[in-house]
């Protein structure tokens, strides 16, 4: 009996890409393809890509270069580049890597399974990207709706978006990301996202409620609503306008949903009603990811962020007043065009007074197609960017460690996500990659404040909400011991 073609997907970038990968896998499985954990054994190799930084693109081009040998010895192998880099680079990918068979942008991912079938039939290579966006509009609007399936009718859709469950041969449906929005209309001067993901689109609220209800019916206990600026969500359907606070209230009413969160939020859309919703709704976890990007008003204006540091501080004050145990995380770009030592010091001071749980810190790299690329000089030397990156990271690490030390000796509640990275590495090189339910391994979970906790336990604990007593702390990881007595 002839086996079905096997596919392998490598994902780079944000949570939007992670969800795209999940839905691609579902579509391929529905079409009869099998998933492979080994790129070298796959008949179809797909990359879901990112274009936010040059390093992400360089990583994909390097990987494509290494695949020349595979294509040489197995010419029927299909290689595809999908997502944001595909939209940005287009035909350039074929020129730099002529062994690639498929290039498809993020607005066209719903067609990938069809394209693969046509390539197998000998019709490749295929380029499928959206028309280039002009100003705030796009010539042909590519909707993501056909790509987001009705999960309740798709038996192939694994709603656990984690390689951990694959490594343990588990299919516990306990976590899911649900798309609330697609695209962005903010046009921050450094950002390529509005060009590669297109204009902002919000899914109709009844579709989201229906999807979350079906997920919870299947055992899901945690849902993350995702969108580039998710806190600007607004949908008009069935005679009413629903914004994110109202949507959260609807979802909070679904029995069995224990944790509800949303990412990523833009500071200018962080309304009082949204903060109040997180404070008042039992399933909403006290966690906010609100990228500041800089602590300098001058730099923020050049970035086209449309808020001031005073406004950001006011938003933070409301979060900490109305959600007293809130954890807030942020993003920062250091070394942006024209950033002075004084500008950077203002960023350091923002981090010190805000006491973010953690911050994602990036060195600025110019992106062709952005306003900053055409209007501003990338004039901060790389060594200065590196020094500022290291210093800001050190400040953040100091804060994260100090806050985590307060948890030592306390028992926290975590949702167990799966084997830790250490365990997954061991399993990857082991003969048997699926430990028995009674085998003790190192597991990883998260608190409601999105803190990472590792502890020793058995695979049957995956997907459960458990008490763990914290015994050791580091800046970004807590180590604990499962307390079965506290779990009752």
Protein backbone atom coordinates (compact mmCIF):
# COMPACT_ATOMS: atom_id res chain seq x y z
CA UNK A 1 0.00 0.00 0.00
CA UNK A 2 1.45 3.36 -1.09
CA UNK A 3 2.04 5.76 1.81
CA UNK A 4 0.66 9.27 1.89
CA UNK A 5 3.13 12.12 1.30
CA UNK A 6 4.63 13.44 4.55
CA UNK A 7 4.96 17.14 5.35
CA UNK A 8 7.22 19.05 7.74
CA UNK A 9 6.60 22.66 8.83
CA UNK A 10 9.18 24.95 10.44
CA UNK A 11 7.76 28.10 12.01
CA UNK A 12 9.57 31.37 12.68
CA UNK A 13 8.11 34.44 14.34
CA UNK A 14 5.02 35.44 16.25
CA UNK A 15 1.93 33.71 17.60
CA UNK A 16 0.05 34.59 14.43
CA UNK A 17 2.51 32.36 12.59
CA UNK A 18 2.05 29.61 15.17
CA UNK A 19 -1.70 29.64 14.55
CA UNK A 20 -1.14 29.73 10.77
CA UNK A 21 1.01 26.61 11.15
CA UNK A 22 -1.70 24.86 13.15
CA UNK A 23 -4.32 25.61 10.51
CA UNK A 24 -1.98 24.61 7.68
CA UNK A 25 -1.40 21.28 9.42
CA UNK A 26 -5.13 20.81 9.70
CA UNK A 27 -5.66 21.49 6.01
CA UNK A 28 -2.88 19.13 4.96
CA UNK A 29 -4.14 16.38 7.27
CA UNK A 30 -7.65 16.79 5.88
CA UNK A 31 -6.19 16.37 2.38
CA UNK A 32 -4.59 13.05 3.39
CA UNK A 33 -1.01 14.15 4.06
CA UNK A 34 0.89 12.85 7.09
CA UNK A 35 3.00 14.94 9.44
CA UNK A 36 6.71 14.18 9.83
CA UNK A 37 8.87 15.19 12.78
CA UNK A 38 12.01 14.90 10.62
CA UNK A 39 12.63 17.36 7.79
CA UNK A 40 14.99 14.87 6.10
CA UNK A 41 12.21 12.30 5.73
CA UNK A 42 9.48 14.70 4.55
CA UNK A 43 8.14 14.89 1.00
CA UNK A 44 6.88 18.43 1.57
CA UNK A 45 8.97 20.99 3.50
CA UNK A 46 7.25 24.27 4.39
CA UNK A 47 8.56 27.36 6.16
CA UNK A 48 6.09 29.74 7.84
CA UNK A 49 8.17 32.90 7.90
CA UNK A 50 8.60 36.30 9.55
CA UNK A 51 9.84 39.60 8.11
CA UNK A 52 9.90 41.81 11.18
CA UNK A 53 13.70 41.60 11.42
CA UNK A 54 16.40 40.85 8.85
CA UNK A 55 17.73 38.01 11.02
CA UNK A 56 14.47 36.08 10.58
CA UNK A 57 14.76 36.28 6.79
CA UNK A 58 18.46 35.39 6.82
CA UNK A 59 17.64 32.30 8.86
CA UNK A 60 15.18 31.09 6.21
CA UNK A 61 17.53 31.79 3.30
CA UNK A 62 20.24 29.81 5.12
CA UNK A 63 17.84 26.91 5.64
CA UNK A 64 16.86 27.01 1.96
CA UNK A 65 20.52 26.86 1.01
CA UNK A 66 20.98 23.72 3.08
CA UNK A 67 18.05 22.09 1.28
CA UNK A 68 19.80 22.12 -2.11
CA UNK A 69 21.25 18.69 -1.42
CA UNK A 70 17.87 17.22 -0.49
CA UNK A 71 16.36 18.61 -3.68
CA UNK A 72 19.29 17.28 -5.71
CA UNK A 73 18.93 13.73 -4.41
CA UNK A 74 15.13 13.79 -4.12
CA UNK A 75 13.91 16.15 -6.87
CA UNK A 76 10.24 15.40 -6.12
CA UNK A 77 10.56 17.01 -2.68
CA UNK A 78 8.35 20.10 -2.51
CA UNK A 79 9.81 23.16 -0.77
CA UNK A 80 7.56 26.07 0.14
CA UNK A 81 8.13 29.51 1.69
CA UNK A 82 4.95 30.89 3.25
CA UNK A 83 3.88 33.90 5.28
CA UNK A 84 5.27 37.40 5.73
CA UNK A 85 8.69 36.89 4.15
CA UNK A 86 7.01 35.32 1.11
CA UNK A 87 4.76 38.37 0.72
CA UNK A 88 7.67 40.78 1.10
CA UNK A 89 10.27 39.00 -1.04
CA UNK A 90 8.01 37.42 -3.69
CA UNK A 91 9.93 36.39 -6.81
CA UNK A 92 13.26 37.24 -5.14
CA UNK A 93 12.98 33.93 -3.29
CA UNK A 94 12.93 31.99 -6.56
CA UNK A 95 15.95 33.94 -7.78
CA UNK A 96 17.97 33.28 -4.62
CA UNK A 97 16.71 29.71 -4.17
CA UNK A 98 15.57 28.33 -7.55
CA UNK A 99 14.85 24.93 -5.98
CA UNK A 100 11.84 26.41 -4.11
CA UNK A 101 8.47 25.26 -5.51
CA UNK A 102 5.96 27.47 -3.71
CA UNK A 103 5.90 31.05 -2.39
CA UNK A 104 2.62 32.13 -0.75
CA UNK A 105 1.81 35.19 1.36
CA UNK A 106 -0.11 35.16 4.66
CA UNK A 107 -3.35 36.21 2.98
CA UNK A 108 -3.16 33.22 0.63
CA UNK A 109 -2.44 30.37 3.01
CA UNK A 110 -5.92 28.93 2.55
CA UNK A 111 -4.86 27.88 -0.96
CA UNK A 112 -1.63 26.09 -0.03
CA UNK A 113 -3.10 22.58 -0.05
CA UNK A 114 -4.47 23.16 -3.57
CA UNK A 115 -1.11 24.52 -4.76
CA UNK A 116 0.73 21.50 -3.37
CA UNK A 117 -1.60 19.21 -5.31
CA UNK A 118 -0.89 21.15 -8.50
CA UNK A 119 2.87 21.05 -7.88
CA UNK A 120 2.69 17.27 -7.39
CA UNK A 121 0.86 17.16 -10.73
CA UNK A 122 3.80 19.00 -12.33
CA UNK A 123 2.41 22.55 -12.48
CA UNK A 124 5.01 24.27 -10.26
CA UNK A 125 6.67 26.48 -9.27
CA UNK A 126 3.83 28.67 -7.98
CA UNK A 127 3.88 32.26 -6.69
CA UNK A 128 0.73 33.37 -4.83
CA UNK A 129 0.96 36.67 -2.97
CA UNK A 130 -1.49 39.51 -2.37
CA UNK A 131 -1.30 42.66 -4.44
CA UNK A 132 0.88 45.30 -2.88
CA UNK A 133 -0.83 47.59 -0.41
CA UNK A 134 -0.98 51.29 -1.28
CA UNK A 135 -1.32 53.73 1.61
CA UNK A 136 -4.01 52.36 3.93
CA UNK A 137 -5.87 50.28 1.33
CA UNK A 138 -5.20 47.19 -0.73
CA UNK A 139 -6.25 46.59 -4.32
CA UNK A 140 -7.62 43.11 -3.69
CA UNK A 141 -8.64 42.34 -0.11
CA UNK A 142 -7.53 38.84 0.85
CA UNK A 143 -9.70 37.58 3.67
CA UNK A 144 -8.39 35.10 6.19
CA UNK A 145 -11.91 33.76 6.77
CA UNK A 146 -11.69 30.76 4.38
CA UNK A 147 -8.46 29.77 6.09
CA UNK A 148 -9.87 29.67 9.64
CA UNK A 149 -11.95 26.48 9.65
CA UNK A 150 -14.94 25.69 11.81
CA UNK A 151 -12.96 23.73 14.35
CA UNK A 152 -15.93 21.74 15.54
CA UNK A 153 -16.31 20.17 12.08
CA UNK A 154 -12.62 19.42 11.52
CA UNK A 155 -11.53 16.11 13.08
CA UNK A 156 -7.92 16.68 12.01
CA UNK A 157 -7.45 19.90 13.95
CA UNK A 158 -5.24 19.47 17.00
CA UNK A 159 -6.05 22.48 19.14
CA UNK A 160 -2.95 22.07 21.25
CA UNK A 161 -0.44 24.37 19.46
CA UNK A 162 2.60 22.84 21.10
CA UNK A 163 5.32 20.51 19.94
CA UNK A 164 5.33 19.18 23.50
CA UNK A 165 2.13 17.27 22.90
CA UNK A 166 3.54 15.81 19.70
CA UNK A 167 6.60 14.62 21.61
CA UNK A 168 4.42 12.73 24.11
CA UNK A 169 1.95 11.41 21.56
CA UNK A 170 -0.71 13.30 23.50
CA UNK A 171 -3.74 14.98 21.99
CA UNK A 172 -5.11 16.67 25.11
CA UNK A 173 -7.14 19.66 23.86
CA UNK A 174 -6.42 22.06 26.68
CA UNK A 175 -5.03 25.22 25.00
CA UNK A 176 -5.98 27.05 21.85
CA UNK A 177 -5.22 30.28 20.06
CA UNK A 178 -8.22 31.86 18.34
CA UNK A 179 -7.80 34.53 15.70
CA UNK A 180 -9.72 37.70 16.52
CA UNK A 181 -8.07 39.98 13.94
CA UNK A 182 -5.76 39.93 10.95
CA UNK A 183 -3.54 42.70 9.59
CA UNK A 184 -2.69 46.17 10.90
CA UNK A 185 -3.49 49.79 10.04
CA UNK A 186 -1.07 51.56 12.38
CA UNK A 187 1.95 51.98 10.05
CA UNK A 188 4.61 52.36 12.71
CA UNK A 189 7.57 53.71 10.78
CA UNK A 190 9.83 50.72 11.55
CA UNK A 191 7.28 47.97 10.89
CA UNK A 192 6.69 45.88 7.78
CA UNK A 193 3.56 44.13 9.11
CA UNK A 194 0.91 46.41 7.50
CA UNK A 195 2.53 45.75 4.11
CA UNK A 196 2.87 41.98 4.42
CA UNK A 197 -0.27 41.11 6.41
CA UNK A 198 -2.55 43.69 4.84
CA UNK A 199 -5.28 45.90 6.30
CA UNK A 200 -6.92 45.33 9.64
CA UNK A 201 -9.81 42.86 9.54
CA UNK A 202 -11.88 41.67 12.48
CA UNK A 203 -13.63 38.31 12.53
CA UNK A 204 -17.37 38.49 13.24
CA UNK A 205 -17.95 38.07 16.95
CA UNK A 206 -20.50 35.22 16.54
CA UNK A 207 -17.84 33.15 14.74
CA UNK A 208 -15.37 33.66 17.60
CA UNK A 209 -17.92 32.80 20.28
CA UNK A 210 -18.98 29.70 18.34
CA UNK A 211 -15.38 28.59 17.90
CA UNK A 212 -14.44 29.09 21.55
CA UNK A 213 -17.57 27.28 22.73
CA UNK A 214 -16.75 24.30 20.50
CA UNK A 215 -13.17 24.26 21.79
CA UNK A 216 -14.28 24.26 25.41
CA UNK A 217 -16.77 21.48 24.66
CA UNK A 218 -13.78 19.41 23.51
CA UNK A 219 -11.86 20.03 26.73
CA UNK A 220 -10.04 23.31 26.12
CA UNK A 221 -9.43 25.25 29.35
CA UNK A 222 -7.32 28.18 28.05
CA UNK A 223 -7.97 30.42 25.05
CA UNK A 224 -5.74 33.20 23.73
CA UNK A 225 -7.33 35.72 21.36
CA UNK A 226 -4.68 36.91 18.92
CA UNK A 227 -4.33 39.85 16.60
CA UNK A 228 -1.70 42.40 15.67
CA UNK A 229 -3.62 45.06 17.64
CA UNK A 230 -6.16 42.83 19.33
CA UNK A 231 -7.37 45.49 21.76
CA UNK A 232 -8.72 47.46 18.78
CA UNK A 233 -11.12 44.61 17.98
CA UNK A 234 -14.57 45.72 16.79
CA UNK A 235 -17.22 43.67 15.02
CA UNK A 236 -20.70 44.58 13.83
CA UNK A 237 -22.97 41.54 13.49
CA UNK A 238 -26.49 40.49 14.38
CA UNK A 239 -27.51 44.07 14.98
CA UNK A 240 -24.88 44.97 17.59
CA UNK A 241 -21.37 46.35 17.78
CA UNK A 242 -18.99 44.31 19.90
CA UNK A 243 -15.57 45.51 21.03
CA UNK A 244 -12.98 43.48 22.90
CA UNK A 245 -14.39 44.11 26.42
CA UNK A 246 -17.83 42.91 25.33
CA UNK A 247 -16.31 39.92 23.53
CA UNK A 248 -14.38 38.95 26.66
CA UNK A 249 -17.60 39.14 28.68
CA UNK A 250 -19.35 36.82 26.20
CA UNK A 251 -16.50 34.30 26.34
CA UNK A 252 -16.25 34.52 30.12
CA UNK A 253 -19.79 33.17 30.28
CA UNK A 254 -18.77 29.87 28.64
CA UNK A 255 -18.74 27.22 31.35
CA UNK A 256 -15.46 25.28 31.50
CA UNK A 257 -13.22 28.08 30.18
CA UNK A 258 -10.74 28.74 33.00
CA UNK A 259 -8.22 31.07 31.39
CA UNK A 260 -8.80 33.80 28.82
CA UNK A 261 -6.13 36.19 27.54
CA UNK A 262 -5.36 38.36 24.50
CA UNK A 263 -2.23 39.51 22.62
CA UNK A 264 -0.88 41.83 21.30
CA UNK A 265 -2.23 45.16 22.62
CA UNK A 266 -1.37 48.63 21.35
CA UNK A 267 -1.10 51.28 24.10
CA UNK A 268 -3.39 53.76 22.34
CA UNK A 269 -6.27 51.23 22.33
CA UNK A 270 -5.95 50.19 26.00
CA UNK A 271 -9.31 51.56 27.12
CA UNK A 272 -10.58 51.87 30.67
CA UNK A 273 -13.39 49.43 29.85
CA UNK A 274 -10.89 46.80 28.72
CA UNK A 275 -8.81 47.09 31.90
CA UNK A 276 -12.02 46.89 33.94
CA UNK A 277 -13.06 43.75 32.04
CA UNK A 278 -9.80 42.01 32.96
CA UNK A 279 -10.30 43.09 36.57
CA UNK A 280 -13.92 41.92 36.78
CA UNK A 281 -14.21 38.78 34.61
CA UNK A 282 -13.20 35.58 36.47
CA UNK A 283 -11.68 33.81 33.47
CA UNK A 284 -9.55 36.78 32.32
CA UNK A 285 -6.04 36.29 33.62
CA UNK A 286 -4.20 39.33 35.09
CA UNK A 287 -1.71 39.61 32.24
CA UNK A 288 -1.17 42.38 29.69
CA UNK A 289 1.34 42.53 26.84
CA UNK A 290 1.53 46.20 25.85
CA UNK A 291 4.68 47.08 23.84
CA UNK A 292 6.09 50.51 24.69
CA UNK A 293 8.99 50.32 22.14
CA UNK A 294 10.76 53.37 23.64
CA UNK A 295 10.74 55.58 26.73
CA UNK A 296 11.38 58.75 24.71
CA UNK A 297 8.56 60.88 23.32
CA UNK A 298 10.84 62.10 20.55
CA UNK A 299 11.63 58.56 19.42
CA UNK A 300 7.98 57.48 19.76
CA UNK A 301 6.95 60.34 17.46
CA UNK A 302 9.57 59.27 14.91
CA UNK A 303 8.29 55.69 15.25
CA UNK A 304 4.71 56.96 14.58
CA UNK A 305 3.43 55.25 17.71
CA UNK A 306 0.74 57.91 18.40
CA UNK A 307 1.02 58.08 22.20
CA UNK A 308 3.27 59.80 24.72
CA UNK A 309 5.13 58.34 27.68
CA UNK A 310 2.81 60.29 30.00
CA UNK A 311 -0.14 58.50 28.41
CA UNK A 312 1.64 55.14 28.70
CA UNK A 313 2.39 55.82 32.38
CA UNK A 314 -1.25 56.75 32.98
CA UNK A 315 -2.37 53.47 31.37
CA UNK A 316 0.05 51.49 33.56
CA UNK A 317 -1.18 53.27 36.69
CA UNK A 318 -4.76 52.23 35.90
CA UNK A 319 -3.72 48.62 35.26
CA UNK A 320 -1.87 48.36 38.57
CA UNK A 321 -4.68 50.14 40.47
CA UNK A 322 -7.60 48.18 39.01
CA UNK A 323 -5.78 44.83 38.60
CA UNK A 324 -3.42 44.97 41.61
CA UNK A 325 -1.70 41.63 40.90
CA UNK A 326 -1.32 42.31 37.18
CA UNK A 327 1.77 41.25 35.26
CA UNK A 328 2.69 43.52 32.34
CA UNK A 329 5.19 42.73 29.60
CA UNK A 330 6.58 44.98 26.89
CA UNK A 331 8.65 45.18 23.71
CA UNK A 332 11.51 47.62 23.11
CA UNK A 333 13.56 48.60 20.08
CA UNK A 334 16.99 50.01 20.91
CA UNK A 335 19.14 51.94 18.48
CA UNK A 336 16.27 53.31 16.39
CA UNK A 337 17.16 56.02 13.91
CA UNK A 338 18.50 59.08 15.72
CA UNK A 339 18.20 57.58 19.22
CA UNK A 340 20.51 59.54 21.52
CA UNK A 341 22.02 58.54 24.85
CA UNK A 342 19.37 60.69 26.53
CA UNK A 343 16.57 58.92 24.62
CA UNK A 344 17.93 55.55 25.70
CA UNK A 345 18.23 56.65 29.34
CA UNK A 346 14.54 57.56 29.26
CA UNK A 347 13.81 54.01 28.10
CA UNK A 348 15.85 52.58 30.97
CA UNK A 349 13.91 54.76 33.42
CA UNK A 350 10.59 53.56 31.99
CA UNK A 351 11.61 49.95 32.52
CA UNK A 352 12.73 50.70 36.08
CA UNK A 353 9.49 52.40 37.15
CA UNK A 354 7.13 50.12 35.19
CA UNK A 355 8.69 46.93 36.60
CA UNK A 356 7.62 44.81 33.65
CA UNK A 357 7.45 41.08 34.29
CA UNK A 358 9.73 40.79 31.30
CA UNK A 359 10.54 42.68 28.13
CA UNK A 360 11.42 41.54 24.63
CA UNK A 361 14.31 43.73 23.51
CA UNK A 362 15.45 44.06 19.91
CA UNK A 363 18.22 45.93 18.13
CA UNK A 364 16.79 48.05 15.32
CA UNK A 365 17.37 46.81 11.79
CA UNK A 366 16.01 48.76 8.85
CA UNK A 367 13.35 47.00 6.74
CA UNK A 368 12.87 47.83 3.09
CA UNK A 369 9.28 48.91 2.51
CA UNK A 370 8.92 50.83 5.77
CA UNK A 371 8.75 54.60 6.29
CA UNK A 372 11.89 54.54 8.42
CA UNK A 373 13.83 52.89 5.59
CA UNK A 374 13.01 55.71 3.15
CA UNK A 375 12.90 58.71 5.49
CA UNK A 376 15.46 58.14 8.24
CA UNK A 377 19.11 57.26 8.44
CA UNK A 378 20.00 54.11 10.39
CA UNK A 379 22.70 56.13 12.15
CA UNK A 380 23.23 54.34 15.48
CA UNK A 381 26.39 52.19 15.17
CA UNK A 382 25.89 48.47 15.74
CA UNK A 383 28.24 48.33 18.79
CA UNK A 384 26.12 51.05 20.42
CA UNK A 385 22.94 49.09 19.67
CA UNK A 386 24.52 45.99 21.17
CA UNK A 387 25.63 47.82 24.32
CA UNK A 388 22.18 49.37 24.80
CA UNK A 389 20.51 46.00 24.21
CA UNK A 390 22.71 44.32 26.82
CA UNK A 391 22.24 47.10 29.36
CA UNK A 392 18.46 47.22 29.04
CA UNK A 393 18.30 43.44 29.24
CA UNK A 394 20.39 43.52 32.43
CA UNK A 395 18.03 46.06 34.00
CA UNK A 396 15.00 43.95 33.06
CA UNK A 397 16.64 40.74 34.34
CA UNK A 398 17.34 42.43 37.68
CA UNK A 399 13.68 43.42 38.00
CA UNK A 400 12.38 40.01 36.89
CA UNK A 401 14.61 38.18 39.35
CA UNK A 402 13.68 40.45 42.26
CA UNK A 403 9.96 39.99 41.60
CA UNK A 404 10.35 36.22 41.20
CA UNK A 405 12.25 35.95 44.50
CA UNK A 406 9.06 36.99 46.25
CA UNK A 407 7.48 33.76 45.00
CA UNK A 408 10.07 31.44 46.55
CA UNK A 409 8.41 29.14 49.06
CA UNK A 410 4.92 30.00 47.81
CA UNK A 411 2.52 27.62 46.07
CA UNK A 412 1.30 28.83 42.68
CA UNK A 413 -1.33 27.45 40.33
CA UNK A 414 -0.08 26.46 36.88
CA UNK A 415 -1.52 25.05 33.69
CA UNK A 416 0.79 22.19 32.68
CA UNK A 417 1.74 22.65 29.01
CA UNK A 418 3.95 19.62 28.41
CA UNK A 419 7.54 18.40 28.66
CA UNK A 420 10.20 21.04 29.27
CA UNK A 421 12.83 21.89 26.66
CA UNK A 422 15.33 19.70 28.50
CA UNK A 423 12.97 16.72 28.36
CA UNK A 424 12.12 17.31 24.70
CA UNK A 425 15.82 17.36 23.78
CA UNK A 426 16.35 14.05 25.59
CA UNK A 427 13.29 12.52 23.93
CA UNK A 428 14.41 13.70 20.51
CA UNK A 429 17.57 11.59 20.79
CA UNK A 430 15.92 8.65 22.56
CA UNK A 431 14.71 5.52 20.81
CA UNK A 432 11.28 5.77 22.43
CA UNK A 433 9.95 9.33 22.09
CA UNK A 434 6.70 8.67 23.93
CA UNK A 435 7.16 8.04 27.66
CA UNK A 436 4.53 6.04 29.50
CA UNK A 437 1.99 7.91 31.60
CA UNK A 438 3.75 6.75 34.76
CA UNK A 439 7.24 7.86 33.72
CA UNK A 440 8.46 10.89 35.64
CA UNK A 441 9.82 13.65 33.41
CA UNK A 442 10.43 17.37 33.72
CA UNK A 443 7.26 19.27 32.83
CA UNK A 444 6.63 22.95 32.17
CA UNK A 445 3.59 25.09 32.87
CA UNK A 446 2.56 28.72 33.32
CA UNK A 447 0.95 30.72 36.07
CA UNK A 448 -1.91 33.12 35.41
CA UNK A 449 0.77 35.82 35.28
CA UNK A 450 2.48 33.97 32.41
CA UNK A 451 5.46 32.94 34.55
CA UNK A 452 7.19 29.75 33.40
CA UNK A 453 7.42 26.97 35.99
CA UNK A 454 9.27 23.65 35.58
CA UNK A 455 8.77 20.66 37.86
CA UNK A 456 9.02 16.86 37.86
CA UNK A 457 5.83 14.97 37.11
CA UNK A 458 4.20 12.38 34.89
CA UNK A 459 2.81 12.90 31.37
CA UNK A 460 -0.77 12.36 32.53
CA UNK A 461 -0.55 15.75 34.32
CA UNK A 462 -0.31 17.59 30.97
CA UNK A 463 -3.32 19.84 30.45
CA UNK A 464 -4.24 20.01 34.13
CA UNK A 465 -4.26 23.04 36.43
CA UNK A 466 -2.12 22.14 39.43
CA UNK A 467 -0.53 23.68 42.55
CA UNK A 468 3.27 23.76 42.50
CA UNK A 469 5.44 24.97 45.39
CA UNK A 470 8.28 27.19 44.16
CA UNK A 471 11.70 26.10 45.44
CA UNK A 472 14.16 27.89 43.14
CA UNK A 473 13.86 31.06 41.06
CA UNK A 474 15.71 32.66 38.18
CA UNK A 475 14.87 35.76 36.15
CA UNK A 476 12.65 33.93 33.67
CA UNK A 477 12.08 30.46 35.07
CA UNK A 478 10.73 29.13 38.35
CA UNK A 479 11.47 25.59 39.54
CA UNK A 480 9.03 23.88 41.85
CA UNK A 481 7.54 20.71 43.24
CA UNK A 482 4.05 19.43 42.53
CA UNK A 483 2.02 19.53 45.73
CA UNK A 484 -0.67 16.80 45.45
CA UNK A 485 -1.92 17.60 48.96
CA UNK A 486 -2.73 21.20 47.98
CA UNK A 487 -4.51 19.90 44.86
CA UNK A 488 -6.97 18.14 47.14
